[in-house]
Amino acid sequence: MKKLLSIKTKYGEYKCLFKLDKEQSDYIITVPSLEGLVTFGKNIKDGKKMVKEAIELHIESIALQSIKNMRIGDIVNVNKELIKV
């Protein structure tokens, strides 16, 4: 059984595919728009909680990596003020 559900996060809404793993009696959840993101849940409610957390952590890690990759002289907008880093 598969279900496509929309999950609201602090970074927007994401379509998530919930697939029942009959052997394990739990759900495998993927997010098609975030390649490689996979999590699990005991049931739909638990899966929603787990995938919301996984999405938010995934996006935060991408943002952190982008900040780490910035070079001196790049311009960053912080609180609507431009500063040089």
Protein backbone atom coordinates (compact mmCIF):
# COMPACT_ATOMS: atom_id res chain seq x y z
CA MET A 1 0.00 0.00 0.00
CA LYS A 2 1.27 3.48 -0.93
CA LYS A 3 0.01 6.90 0.14
CA LEU A 4 1.15 10.33 -1.05
CA LEU A 5 0.72 12.86 1.78
CA SER A 6 1.59 16.54 2.08
CA ILE A 7 3.69 17.33 5.14
CA LYS A 8 3.97 20.91 6.42
CA THR A 9 7.37 21.92 7.80
CA LYS A 10 8.84 25.22 8.89
CA TYR A 11 10.44 25.36 5.41
CA GLY A 12 7.31 24.71 3.38
CA GLU A 13 5.09 21.84 2.37
CA TYR A 14 6.48 18.63 0.86
CA LYS A 15 4.83 15.67 -0.85
CA CYS A 16 5.89 12.46 0.89
CA LEU A 17 5.40 8.88 -0.25
CA PHE A 18 4.44 6.43 2.51
CA LYS A 19 4.90 2.79 1.56
CA LEU A 20 3.86 -0.01 3.92
CA ASP A 21 6.60 -2.59 4.45
CA LYS A 22 4.49 -5.70 5.07
CA GLU A 23 7.44 -7.74 6.34
CA GLN A 24 8.40 -5.18 9.00
CA SER A 25 4.86 -3.83 9.57
CA ASP A 26 6.10 -0.24 9.36
CA TYR A 27 6.25 2.53 6.78
CA ILE A 28 9.13 3.57 4.57
CA ILE A 29 8.80 7.27 3.74
CA THR A 30 10.54 9.07 0.89
CA VAL A 31 10.40 12.68 -0.29
CA PRO A 32 10.61 12.74 -4.10
CA SER A 33 11.70 16.40 -4.21
CA LEU A 34 14.59 15.76 -1.78
CA GLU A 35 16.66 13.05 -3.43
CA GLY A 36 18.01 10.43 -1.05
CA LEU A 37 15.82 11.38 1.91
CA VAL A 38 14.37 8.22 3.46
CA THR A 39 12.94 7.63 6.92
CA PHE A 40 10.70 5.14 8.70
CA GLY A 41 7.65 5.18 10.95
CA LYS A 42 5.77 2.59 13.01
CA ASN A 43 2.50 3.95 11.63
CA ILE A 44 1.25 6.93 9.60
CA LYS A 45 1.24 9.28 12.62
CA ASP A 46 4.78 8.32 13.63
CA GLY A 47 5.89 8.51 9.99
CA LYS A 48 4.56 12.07 9.63
CA LYS A 49 6.54 13.13 12.69
CA MET A 50 9.70 11.37 11.51
CA VAL A 51 9.56 12.71 7.93
CA LYS A 52 8.88 16.28 9.12
CA GLU A 53 11.97 16.12 11.31
CA ALA A 54 14.04 14.51 8.53
CA ILE A 55 13.03 17.21 6.01
CA GLU A 56 13.90 20.05 8.39
CA LEU A 57 17.27 18.52 9.32
CA HIS A 58 18.06 17.86 5.64
CA ILE A 59 17.35 21.48 4.66
CA GLU A 60 19.29 22.84 7.64
CA SER A 61 22.32 20.70 6.77
CA ILE A 62 22.23 21.97 3.17
CA ALA A 63 22.07 25.57 4.44
CA LEU A 64 24.94 24.98 6.88
CA GLN A 65 27.07 23.43 4.14
CA SER A 66 26.37 26.43 1.89
CA ILE A 67 27.53 28.78 4.64
CA LYS A 68 30.70 26.72 5.18
CA ASN A 69 31.45 26.90 1.45
CA MET A 70 31.27 30.70 1.31
CA ARG A 71 34.45 32.54 0.43
CA ILE A 72 35.86 35.70 1.94
CA GLY A 73 34.36 38.64 0.11
CA ASP A 74 31.01 36.95 -0.46
CA ILE A 75 28.12 39.16 0.50
CA VAL A 76 25.61 37.90 3.03
CA ASN A 77 22.28 39.51 3.87
CA VAL A 78 21.82 39.36 7.65
CA ASN A 79 18.75 41.03 9.11
CA LYS A 80 18.44 43.06 5.91
CA GLU A 81 21.89 44.59 6.35
CA LEU A 82 24.68 43.75 3.94
CA ILE A 83 27.94 42.75 5.54
CA LYS A 84 31.14 41.33 4.10
CA VAL A 85 32.37 38.03 5.47
